[in-house]
């Protein structure tokens, strides 16, 4: 675990470098079970974003 300053430095670096996560699947929270099933079966690449 890093320090608060290290986290702030990392966030600054990520922002300045334009790094963004790859979202492989976006689904409503109500479909979380199906979203995780898709991940389990290798049907997504990147992060799963669950929305309200």
Foldseek 3Di string as FASTA:
>chain_A
DDDPVVVVVVVVVCVVVVPDWDAFEEEEPVCVVVVVVCVVVVVTDTHYHYHD
